[in-house]
Amino acid sequence: LWRASVVPGSGVPGEVLQAEGDTLVVACGAQALALHTLQRPGG
């Protein structure tokens, strides 16, 4: 994970709160992270 931003949200830490289009939001210990730039193995 190379880029993310803090967004409102709550849930079990690691829970995917939203996953569609260009939005992937993950619950954290406090608030949530919107993930923006990622890299798969070898990619």
PDB file of all heavy atoms in Angstrom:
ATOM      1  N   LEU A   1       0.857  -1.185   0.000  1.00  0.00           N
ATOM      2  CA  LEU A   1       0.000   0.000   0.000  1.00  0.00           C
ATOM      3  C   LEU A   1       0.893   1.235   0.000  1.00  0.00           C
ATOM      4  O   LEU A   1       1.684   1.447   0.918  1.00  0.00           O
ATOM      5  CB  LEU A   1      -0.908  -0.006   1.231  1.00  0.00           C
ATOM      6  CG  LEU A   1      -1.794   1.214   1.462  1.00  0.00           C
ATOM      7  CD1 LEU A   1      -2.685   1.485   0.260  1.00  0.00           C
ATOM      8  CD2 LEU A   1      -2.634   1.021   2.723  1.00  0.00           C
ATOM      9  N   TRP A   2       0.756   2.063  -1.049  1.00  0.00           N
ATOM     10  CA  TRP A   2       1.641   3.203  -1.216  1.00  0.00           C
ATOM     11  C   TRP A   2       0.978   4.546  -0.942  1.00  0.00           C
ATOM     12  O   TRP A   2       1.663   5.527  -0.679  1.00  0.00           O
ATOM     13  CB  TRP A   2       2.203   3.230  -2.642  1.00  0.00           C
ATOM     14  CG  TRP A   2       3.119   2.093  -2.937  1.00  0.00           C
ATOM     15  CD1 TRP A   2       2.899   1.044  -3.784  1.00  0.00           C
ATOM     16  CD2 TRP A   2       4.421   1.864  -2.370  1.00  0.00           C
ATOM     17  NE1 TRP A   2       3.977   0.189  -3.797  1.00  0.00           N
ATOM     18  CE2 TRP A   2       4.931   0.666  -2.942  1.00  0.00           C
ATOM     19  CE3 TRP A   2       5.220   2.552  -1.450  1.00  0.00           C
ATOM     20  CZ2 TRP A   2       6.177   0.141  -2.617  1.00  0.00           C
ATOM     21  CZ3 TRP A   2       6.455   2.036  -1.132  1.00  0.00           C
ATOM     22  CH2 TRP A   2       6.927   0.855  -1.706  1.00  0.00           C
ATOM     23  N   ARG A   3      -0.348   4.601  -1.014  1.00  0.00           N
ATOM     24  CA  ARG A   3      -1.005   5.880  -0.728  1.00  0.00           C
ATOM     25  C   ARG A   3      -2.400   5.618  -0.190  1.00  0.00           C
ATOM     26  O   ARG A   3      -3.124   4.749  -0.694  1.00  0.00           O
ATOM     27  CB  ARG A   3      -1.075   6.761  -1.976  1.00  0.00           C
ATOM     28  CG  ARG A   3      -1.466   8.218  -1.684  1.00  0.00           C
ATOM     29  CD  ARG A   3      -1.287   9.102  -2.927  1.00  0.00           C
ATOM     30  NE  ARG A   3      -2.244   8.778  -3.976  1.00  0.00           N
ATOM     31  CZ  ARG A   3      -3.471   9.285  -4.048  1.00  0.00           C
ATOM     32  NH1 ARG A   3      -3.907  10.134  -3.124  1.00  0.00           N
ATOM     33  NH2 ARG A   3      -4.269   8.953  -5.043  1.00  0.00           N
ATOM     34  N   ALA A   4      -2.762   6.362   0.836  1.00  0.00           N
ATOM     35  CA  ALA A   4      -4.078   6.222   1.465  1.00  0.00           C
ATOM     36  C   ALA A   4      -4.427   7.536   2.140  1.00  0.00           C
ATOM     37  O   ALA A   4      -3.576   8.419   2.304  1.00  0.00           O
ATOM     38  CB  ALA A   4      -4.077   5.085   2.482  1.00  0.00           C
ATOM     39  N   SER A   5      -5.677   7.678   2.528  1.00  0.00           N
ATOM     40  CA  SER A   5      -6.097   8.875   3.255  1.00  0.00           C
ATOM     41  C   SER A   5      -7.061   8.477   4.357  1.00  0.00           C
ATOM     42  O   SER A   5      -7.779   7.475   4.257  1.00  0.00           O
ATOM     43  CB  SER A   5      -6.754   9.893   2.315  1.00  0.00           C
ATOM     44  OG  SER A   5      -7.862   9.320   1.645  1.00  0.00           O
ATOM     45  N   VAL A   6      -7.060   9.267   5.407  1.00  0.00           N
ATOM     46  CA  VAL A   6      -7.935   9.006   6.559  1.00  0.00           C
ATOM     47  C   VAL A   6      -9.342   9.506   6.238  1.00  0.00           C
ATOM     48  O   VAL A   6      -9.520  10.635   5.763  1.00  0.00           O
ATOM     49  CB  VAL A   6      -7.390   9.708   7.821  1.00  0.00           C
ATOM     50  CG1 VAL A   6      -8.303   9.457   9.012  1.00  0.00           C
ATOM     51  CG2 VAL A   6      -5.960   9.247   8.115  1.00  0.00           C
ATOM     52  N   VAL A   7     -10.329   8.646   6.500  1.00  0.00           N
ATOM     53  CA  VAL A   7     -11.732   9.005   6.254  1.00  0.00           C
ATOM     54  C   VAL A   7     -12.566   8.560   7.442  1.00  0.00           C
ATOM     55  O   VAL A   7     -12.148   7.704   8.228  1.00  0.00           O
ATOM     56  CB  VAL A   7     -12.256   8.341   4.957  1.00  0.00           C
ATOM     57  CG1 VAL A   7     -11.517   8.860   3.740  1.00  0.00           C
ATOM     58  CG2 VAL A   7     -12.148   6.818   5.046  1.00  0.00           C
ATOM     59  N   PRO A   8     -13.771   9.127   7.601  1.00  0.00           N
ATOM     60  CA  PRO A   8     -14.656   8.657   8.656  1.00  0.00           C
ATOM     61  C   PRO A   8     -15.062   7.207   8.409  1.00  0.00           C
ATOM     62  O   PRO A   8     -15.160   6.754   7.268  1.00  0.00           O
ATOM     63  CB  PRO A   8     -15.863   9.592   8.564  1.00  0.00           C
ATOM     64  CG  PRO A   8     -15.383  10.775   7.789  1.00  0.00           C
ATOM     65  CD  PRO A   8     -14.338  10.262   6.847  1.00  0.00           C
ATOM     66  N   GLY A   9     -15.315   6.483   9.468  1.00  0.00           N
ATOM     67  CA  GLY A   9     -15.746   5.102   9.340  1.00  0.00           C
ATOM     68  C   GLY A   9     -15.396   4.312  10.577  1.00  0.00           C
ATOM     69  O   GLY A   9     -14.465   4.668  11.307  1.00  0.00           O
ATOM     70  N   SER A  10     -16.130   3.256  10.817  1.00  0.00           N
ATOM     71  CA  SER A  10     -15.858   2.412  11.972  1.00  0.00           C
ATOM     72  C   SER A  10     -16.261   0.980  11.659  1.00  0.00           C
ATOM     73  O   SER A  10     -17.095   0.716  10.786  1.00  0.00           O
ATOM     74  CB  SER A  10     -16.626   2.910  13.202  1.00  0.00           C
ATOM     75  OG  SER A  10     -18.023   2.858  12.974  1.00  0.00           O
ATOM     76  N   GLY A  11     -15.648   0.063  12.357  1.00  0.00           N
ATOM     77  CA  GLY A  11     -15.905  -1.350  12.176  1.00  0.00           C
ATOM     78  C   GLY A  11     -14.803  -2.142  12.835  1.00  0.00           C
ATOM     79  O   GLY A  11     -13.907  -1.585  13.491  1.00  0.00           O
ATOM     80  N   VAL A  12     -14.849  -3.452  12.667  1.00  0.00           N
ATOM     81  CA  VAL A  12     -13.774  -4.291  13.183  1.00  0.00           C
ATOM     82  C   VAL A  12     -12.499  -3.973  12.414  1.00  0.00           C
ATOM     83  O   VAL A  12     -12.520  -3.912  11.178  1.00  0.00           O
ATOM     84  CB  VAL A  12     -14.140  -5.778  13.018  1.00  0.00           C
ATOM     85  CG1 VAL A  12     -12.988  -6.653  13.495  1.00  0.00           C
ATOM     86  CG2 VAL A  12     -15.409  -6.103  13.773  1.00  0.00           C
ATOM     87  N   PRO A  13     -11.365  -3.718  13.087  1.00  0.00           N
ATOM     88  CA  PRO A  13     -10.129  -3.379  12.372  1.00  0.00           C
ATOM     89  C   PRO A  13      -9.803  -4.404  11.285  1.00  0.00           C
ATOM     90  O   PRO A  13      -9.793  -5.611  11.524  1.00  0.00           O
ATOM     91  CB  PRO A  13      -9.067  -3.373  13.476  1.00  0.00           C
ATOM     92  CG  PRO A  13      -9.823  -2.972  14.702  1.00  0.00           C
ATOM     93  CD  PRO A  13     -11.174  -3.626  14.554  1.00  0.00           C
ATOM     94  N   GLY A  14      -9.582  -3.919  10.069  1.00  0.00           N
ATOM     95  CA  GLY A  14      -9.327  -4.781   8.930  1.00  0.00           C
ATOM     96  C   GLY A  14     -10.571  -5.095   8.114  1.00  0.00           C
ATOM     97  O   GLY A  14     -10.466  -5.661   7.017  1.00  0.00           O
ATOM     98  N   GLU A  15     -11.735  -4.706   8.617  1.00  0.00           N
ATOM     99  CA  GLU A  15     -12.986  -4.953   7.892  1.00  0.00           C
ATOM    100  C   GLU A  15     -13.086  -4.023   6.684  1.00  0.00           C
ATOM    101  O   GLU A  15     -12.830  -2.824   6.781  1.00  0.00           O
ATOM    102  CB  GLU A  15     -14.170  -4.723   8.820  1.00  0.00           C
ATOM    103  CG  GLU A  15     -15.531  -4.882   8.162  1.00  0.00           C
ATOM    104  CD  GLU A  15     -16.672  -4.516   9.086  1.00  0.00           C
ATOM    105  OE1 GLU A  15     -16.413  -4.193  10.276  1.00  0.00           O
ATOM    106  OE2 GLU A  15     -17.835  -4.544   8.622  1.00  0.00           O
ATOM    107  N   VAL A  16     -13.457  -4.595   5.545  1.00  0.00           N
ATOM    108  CA  VAL A  16     -13.659  -3.794   4.346  1.00  0.00           C
ATOM    109  C   VAL A  16     -15.030  -3.139   4.424  1.00  0.00           C
ATOM    110  O   VAL A  16     -16.057  -3.815   4.411  1.00  0.00           O
ATOM    111  CB  VAL A  16     -13.542  -4.655   3.074  1.00  0.00           C
ATOM    112  CG1 VAL A  16     -13.842  -3.816   1.842  1.00  0.00           C
ATOM    113  CG2 VAL A  16     -12.147  -5.268   2.976  1.00  0.00           C
ATOM    114  N   LEU A  17     -15.052  -1.824   4.520  1.00  0.00           N
ATOM    115  CA  LEU A  17     -16.307  -1.085   4.666  1.00  0.00           C
ATOM    116  C   LEU A  17     -16.938  -0.754   3.322  1.00  0.00           C
ATOM    117  O   LEU A  17     -18.155  -0.634   3.208  1.00  0.00           O
ATOM    118  CB  LEU A  17     -16.060   0.202   5.459  1.00  0.00           C
ATOM    119  CG  LEU A  17     -15.469   0.027   6.857  1.00  0.00           C
ATOM    120  CD1 LEU A  17     -15.250   1.385   7.510  1.00  0.00           C
ATOM    121  CD2 LEU A  17     -16.356  -0.849   7.736  1.00  0.00           C
ATOM    122  N   GLN A  18     -16.100  -0.587   2.304  1.00  0.00           N
ATOM    123  CA  GLN A  18     -16.602  -0.274   0.967  1.00  0.00           C
ATOM    124  C   GLN A  18     -15.586  -0.741  -0.056  1.00  0.00           C
ATOM    125  O   GLN A  18     -14.382  -0.538   0.107  1.00  0.00           O
ATOM    126  CB  GLN A  18     -16.849   1.228   0.823  1.00  0.00           C
ATOM    127  CG  GLN A  18     -17.517   1.633  -0.482  1.00  0.00           C
ATOM    128  CD  GLN A  18     -17.814   3.127  -0.538  1.00  0.00           C
ATOM    129  OE1 GLN A  18     -17.555   3.852   0.426  1.00  0.00           O
ATOM    130  NE2 GLN A  18     -18.349   3.585  -1.656  1.00  0.00           N
ATOM    131  N   ALA A  19     -16.063  -1.389  -1.116  1.00  0.00           N
ATOM    132  CA  ALA A  19     -15.172  -1.889  -2.159  1.00  0.00           C
ATOM    133  C   ALA A  19     -15.911  -1.880  -3.483  1.00  0.00           C
ATOM    134  O   ALA A  19     -16.543  -2.869  -3.866  1.00  0.00           O
ATOM    135  CB  ALA A  19     -14.672  -3.286  -1.824  1.00  0.00           C
ATOM    136  N   GLU A  20     -15.850  -0.751  -4.172  1.00  0.00           N
ATOM    137  CA  GLU A  20     -16.487  -0.655  -5.478  1.00  0.00           C
ATOM    138  C   GLU A  20     -15.894   0.511  -6.257  1.00  0.00           C
ATOM    139  O   GLU A  20     -15.477   1.516  -5.675  1.00  0.00           O
ATOM    140  CB  GLU A  20     -17.997  -0.471  -5.336  1.00  0.00           C
ATOM    141  CG  GLU A  20     -18.408   0.746  -4.520  1.00  0.00           C
ATOM    142  CD  GLU A  20     -19.914   0.840  -4.338  1.00  0.00           C
ATOM    143  OE1 GLU A  20     -20.627   0.182  -5.095  1.00  0.00           O
ATOM    144  OE2 GLU A  20     -20.344   1.581  -3.437  1.00  0.00           O
ATOM    145  N   GLY A  21     -15.849   0.345  -7.583  1.00  0.00           N
ATOM    146  CA  GLY A  21     -15.332   1.413  -8.435  1.00  0.00           C
ATOM    147  C   GLY A  21     -13.904   1.768  -8.109  1.00  0.00           C
ATOM    148  O   GLY A  21     -13.002   0.948  -8.243  1.00  0.00           O
ATOM    149  N   ASP A  22     -13.702   2.985  -7.653  1.00  0.00           N
ATOM    150  CA  ASP A  22     -12.361   3.415  -7.256  1.00  0.00           C
ATOM    151  C   ASP A  22     -12.281   3.654  -5.758  1.00  0.00           C
ATOM    152  O   ASP A  22     -11.444   4.444  -5.301  1.00  0.00           O
ATOM    153  CB  ASP A  22     -11.965   4.682  -8.022  1.00  0.00           C
ATOM    154  CG  ASP A  22     -12.919   5.846  -7.760  1.00  0.00           C
ATOM    155  OD1 ASP A  22     -13.915   5.643  -7.044  1.00  0.00           O
ATOM    156  OD2 ASP A  22     -12.650   6.941  -8.287  1.00  0.00           O
ATOM    157  N   THR A  23     -13.113   2.978  -4.995  1.00  0.00           N
ATOM    158  CA  THR A  23     -13.172   3.204  -3.551  1.00  0.00           C
ATOM    159  C   THR A  23     -12.988   1.895  -2.794  1.00  0.00           C
ATOM    160  O   THR A  23     -13.727   0.928  -3.014  1.00  0.00           O
ATOM    161  CB  THR A  23     -14.522   3.828  -3.146  1.00  0.00           C
ATOM    162  OG1 THR A  23     -14.712   5.041  -3.881  1.00  0.00           O
ATOM    163  CG2 THR A  23     -14.539   4.139  -1.660  1.00  0.00           C
ATOM    164  N   LEU A  24     -11.989   1.872  -1.954  1.00  0.00           N
ATOM    165  CA  LEU A  24     -11.746   0.747  -1.049  1.00  0.00           C
ATOM    166  C   LEU A  24     -11.442   1.333   0.318  1.00  0.00           C
ATOM    167  O   LEU A  24     -10.414   1.986   0.507  1.00  0.00           O
ATOM    168  CB  LEU A  24     -10.579  -0.112  -1.540  1.00  0.00           C
ATOM    169  CG  LEU A  24     -10.165  -1.305  -0.662  1.00  0.00           C
ATOM    170  CD1 LEU A  24     -11.337  -2.254  -0.441  1.00  0.00           C
ATOM    171  CD2 LEU A  24      -8.984  -2.042  -1.287  1.00  0.00           C
ATOM    172  N   VAL A  25     -12.371   1.128   1.247  1.00  0.00           N
ATOM    173  CA  VAL A  25     -12.250   1.714   2.579  1.00  0.00           C
ATOM    174  C   VAL A  25     -12.146   0.589   3.605  1.00  0.00           C
ATOM    175  O   VAL A  25     -12.930  -0.370   3.571  1.00  0.00           O
ATOM    176  CB  VAL A  25     -13.463   2.609   2.907  1.00  0.00           C
ATOM    177  CG1 VAL A  25     -13.342   3.170   4.322  1.00  0.00           C
ATOM    178  CG2 VAL A  25     -13.551   3.751   1.895  1.00  0.00           C
ATOM    179  N   VAL A  26     -11.172   0.726   4.502  1.00  0.00           N
ATOM    180  CA  VAL A  26     -10.895  -0.301   5.493  1.00  0.00           C
ATOM    181  C   VAL A  26     -10.982   0.300   6.885  1.00  0.00           C
ATOM    182  O   VAL A  26     -10.432   1.379   7.155  1.00  0.00           O
ATOM    183  CB  VAL A  26      -9.499  -0.912   5.267  1.00  0.00           C
ATOM    184  CG1 VAL A  26      -9.232  -2.026   6.275  1.00  0.00           C
ATOM    185  CG2 VAL A  26      -9.358  -1.436   3.851  1.00  0.00           C
ATOM    186  N   ALA A  27     -11.669  -0.402   7.797  1.00  0.00           N
ATOM    187  CA  ALA A  27     -11.778   0.050   9.184  1.00  0.00           C
ATOM    188  C   ALA A  27     -10.445  -0.114   9.903  1.00  0.00           C
ATOM    189  O   ALA A  27      -9.720  -1.088   9.686  1.00  0.00           O
ATOM    190  CB  ALA A  27     -12.864  -0.741   9.906  1.00  0.00           C
ATOM    191  N   CYS A  28     -10.153   0.837  10.758  1.00  0.00           N
ATOM    192  CA  CYS A  28      -8.919   0.799  11.558  1.00  0.00           C
ATOM    193  C   CYS A  28      -9.283   0.908  13.043  1.00  0.00           C
ATOM    194  O   CYS A  28     -10.448   0.971  13.407  1.00  0.00           O
ATOM    195  CB  CYS A  28      -7.983   1.928  11.139  1.00  0.00           C
ATOM    196  SG  CYS A  28      -7.520   1.894   9.399  1.00  0.00           S
ATOM    197  N   GLY A  29      -8.271   0.962  13.886  1.00  0.00           N
ATOM    198  CA  GLY A  29      -8.522   1.072  15.316  1.00  0.00           C
ATOM    199  C   GLY A  29      -9.258   2.341  15.667  1.00  0.00           C
ATOM    200  O   GLY A  29     -10.026   2.386  16.636  1.00  0.00           O
ATOM    201  N   ALA A  30      -9.039   3.390  14.908  1.00  0.00           N
ATOM    202  CA  ALA A  30      -9.781   4.646  15.025  1.00  0.00           C
ATOM    203  C   ALA A  30      -9.932   5.200  13.624  1.00  0.00           C
ATOM    204  O   ALA A  30      -8.955   5.279  12.878  1.00  0.00           O
ATOM    205  CB  ALA A  30      -9.052   5.641  15.930  1.00  0.00           C
ATOM    206  N   GLN A  31     -11.135   5.528  13.234  1.00  0.00           N
ATOM    207  CA  GLN A  31     -11.467   5.984  11.881  1.00  0.00           C
ATOM    208  C   GLN A  31     -11.161   4.888  10.846  1.00  0.00           C
ATOM    209  O   GLN A  31     -11.080   3.701  11.192  1.00  0.00           O
ATOM    210  CB  GLN A  31     -10.750   7.306  11.551  1.00  0.00           C
ATOM    211  CG  GLN A  31     -11.135   8.461  12.477  1.00  0.00           C
ATOM    212  CD  GLN A  31     -10.460   9.750  12.072  1.00  0.00           C
ATOM    213  OE1 GLN A  31      -9.269   9.930  12.261  1.00  0.00           O
ATOM    214  NE2 GLN A  31     -11.248  10.663  11.489  1.00  0.00           N
ATOM    215  N   ALA A  32     -11.029   5.279   9.591  1.00  0.00           N
ATOM    216  CA  ALA A  32     -10.820   4.308   8.526  1.00  0.00           C
ATOM    217  C   ALA A  32      -9.842   4.861   7.512  1.00  0.00           C
ATOM    218  O   ALA A  32      -9.536   6.060   7.506  1.00  0.00           O
ATOM    219  CB  ALA A  32     -12.149   3.960   7.854  1.00  0.00           C
ATOM    220  N   LEU A  33      -9.352   3.981   6.640  1.00  0.00           N
ATOM    221  CA  LEU A  33      -8.439   4.380   5.575  1.00  0.00           C
ATOM    222  C   LEU A  33      -9.083   4.110   4.224  1.00  0.00           C
ATOM    223  O   LEU A  33      -9.591   3.008   3.988  1.00  0.00           O
ATOM    224  CB  LEU A  33      -7.127   3.596   5.649  1.00  0.00           C
ATOM    225  CG  LEU A  33      -5.980   4.127   6.493  1.00  0.00           C
ATOM    226  CD1 LEU A  33      -4.759   3.245   6.286  1.00  0.00           C
ATOM    227  CD2 LEU A  33      -5.641   5.577   6.161  1.00  0.00           C
ATOM    228  N   ALA A  34      -9.029   5.118   3.366  1.00  0.00           N
ATOM    229  CA  ALA A  34      -9.358   4.919   1.959  1.00  0.00           C
ATOM    230  C   ALA A  34      -8.050   4.608   1.240  1.00  0.00           C
ATOM    231  O   ALA A  34      -7.112   5.410   1.282  1.00  0.00           O
ATOM    232  CB  ALA A  34     -10.017   6.159   1.376  1.00  0.00           C
ATOM    233  N   LEU A  35      -7.975   3.442   0.618  1.00  0.00           N
ATOM    234  CA  LEU A  35      -6.753   3.019  -0.051  1.00  0.00           C
ATOM    235  C   LEU A  35      -6.764   3.526  -1.486  1.00  0.00           C
ATOM    236  O   LEU A  35      -7.766   3.382  -2.194  1.00  0.00           O
ATOM    237  CB  LEU A  35      -6.629   1.497  -0.034  1.00  0.00           C
ATOM    238  CG  LEU A  35      -6.918   0.779   1.299  1.00  0.00           C
ATOM    239  CD1 LEU A  35      -6.527  -0.692   1.207  1.00  0.00           C
ATOM    240  CD2 LEU A  35      -6.226   1.450   2.474  1.00  0.00           C
ATOM    241  N   HIS A  36      -5.666   4.100  -1.937  1.00  0.00           N
ATOM    242  CA  HIS A  36      -5.630   4.739  -3.254  1.00  0.00           C
ATOM    243  C   HIS A  36      -4.655   4.089  -4.237  1.00  0.00           C
ATOM    244  O   HIS A  36      -5.002   3.883  -5.395  1.00  0.00           O
ATOM    245  CB  HIS A  36      -5.266   6.219  -3.110  1.00  0.00           C
ATOM    246  CG  HIS A  36      -6.207   6.989  -2.251  1.00  0.00           C
ATOM    247  ND1 HIS A  36      -7.561   7.016  -2.453  1.00  0.00           N
ATOM    248  CD2 HIS A  36      -5.983   7.760  -1.147  1.00  0.00           C
ATOM    249  CE1 HIS A  36      -8.142   7.762  -1.539  1.00  0.00           C
ATOM    250  NE2 HIS A  36      -7.199   8.234  -0.736  1.00  0.00           N
ATOM    251  N   THR A  37      -3.437   3.805  -3.795  1.00  0.00           N
ATOM    252  CA  THR A  37      -2.415   3.248  -4.686  1.00  0.00           C
ATOM    253  C   THR A  37      -1.840   1.987  -4.068  1.00  0.00           C
ATOM    254  O   THR A  37      -1.371   2.001  -2.931  1.00  0.00           O
ATOM    255  CB  THR A  37      -1.285   4.264  -4.933  1.00  0.00           C
ATOM    256  OG1 THR A  37      -1.837   5.483  -5.425  1.00  0.00           O
ATOM    257  CG2 THR A  37      -0.291   3.729  -5.953  1.00  0.00           C
ATOM    258  N   LEU A  38      -1.894   0.894  -4.850  1.00  0.00           N
ATOM    259  CA  LEU A  38      -1.453  -0.401  -4.360  1.00  0.00           C
ATOM    260  C   LEU A  38      -0.546  -1.079  -5.368  1.00  0.00           C
ATOM    261  O   LEU A  38      -0.436  -0.648  -6.517  1.00  0.00           O
ATOM    262  CB  LEU A  38      -2.662  -1.306  -4.056  1.00  0.00           C
ATOM    263  CG  LEU A  38      -3.723  -0.722  -3.129  1.00  0.00           C
ATOM    264  CD1 LEU A  38      -4.910  -0.256  -3.942  1.00  0.00           C
ATOM    265  CD2 LEU A  38      -4.159  -1.735  -2.093  1.00  0.00           C
ATOM    266  N   GLN A  39       0.050  -2.200  -4.951  1.00  0.00           N
ATOM    267  CA  GLN A  39       0.944  -2.941  -5.823  1.00  0.00           C
ATOM    268  C   GLN A  39       0.838  -4.423  -5.504  1.00  0.00           C
ATOM    269  O   GLN A  39       1.104  -4.845  -4.381  1.00  0.00           O
ATOM    270  CB  GLN A  39       2.389  -2.455  -5.652  1.00  0.00           C
ATOM    271  CG  GLN A  39       3.398  -3.111  -6.565  1.00  0.00           C
ATOM    272  CD  GLN A  39       4.794  -2.532  -6.367  1.00  0.00           C
ATOM    273  OE1 GLN A  39       5.041  -1.750  -5.450  1.00  0.00           O
ATOM    274  NE2 GLN A  39       5.718  -2.914  -7.227  1.00  0.00           N
ATOM    275  N   ARG A  40       0.433  -5.209  -6.496  1.00  0.00           N
ATOM    276  CA  ARG A  40       0.372  -6.656  -6.327  1.00  0.00           C
ATOM    277  C   ARG A  40       1.752  -7.257  -6.557  1.00  0.00           C
ATOM    278  O   ARG A  40       2.626  -6.638  -7.187  1.00  0.00           O
ATOM    279  CB  ARG A  40      -0.646  -7.265  -7.300  1.00  0.00           C
ATOM    280  CG  ARG A  40      -2.050  -6.726  -7.113  1.00  0.00           C
ATOM    281  CD  ARG A  40      -3.046  -7.427  -8.009  1.00  0.00           C
ATOM    282  NE  ARG A  40      -3.384  -8.748  -7.500  1.00  0.00           N
ATOM    283  CZ  ARG A  40      -4.292  -9.551  -8.042  1.00  0.00           C
ATOM    284  NH1 ARG A  40      -4.948  -9.164  -9.140  1.00  0.00           N
ATOM    285  NH2 ARG A  40      -4.552 -10.729  -7.532  1.00  0.00           N
ATOM    286  N   PRO A  41       2.002  -8.476  -6.064  1.00  0.00           N
ATOM    287  CA  PRO A  41       3.313  -9.111  -6.249  1.00  0.00           C
ATOM    288  C   PRO A  41       3.714  -9.167  -7.719  1.00  0.00           C
ATOM    289  O   PRO A  41       2.948  -9.610  -8.572  1.00  0.00           O
ATOM    290  CB  PRO A  41       3.103 -10.519  -5.677  1.00  0.00           C
ATOM    291  CG  PRO A  41       1.995 -10.358  -4.684  1.00  0.00           C
ATOM    292  CD  PRO A  41       1.084  -9.314  -5.263  1.00  0.00           C
ATOM    293  N   GLY A  42       4.908  -8.672  -8.014  1.00  0.00           N
ATOM    294  CA  GLY A  42       5.415  -8.685  -9.373  1.00  0.00           C
ATOM    295  C   GLY A  42       4.859  -7.607 -10.269  1.00  0.00           C
ATOM    296  O   GLY A  42       5.240  -7.511 -11.445  1.00  0.00           O
ATOM    297  N   GLY A  43       3.946  -6.790  -9.753  1.00  0.00           N
ATOM    298  CA  GLY A  43       3.319  -5.764 -10.571  1.00  0.00           C
ATOM    299  C   GLY A  43       3.848  -4.381 -10.290  1.00  0.00           C
ATOM    300  O   GLY A  43       4.817  -4.192  -9.551  1.00  0.00           O
TER     301      GLY A  43
END
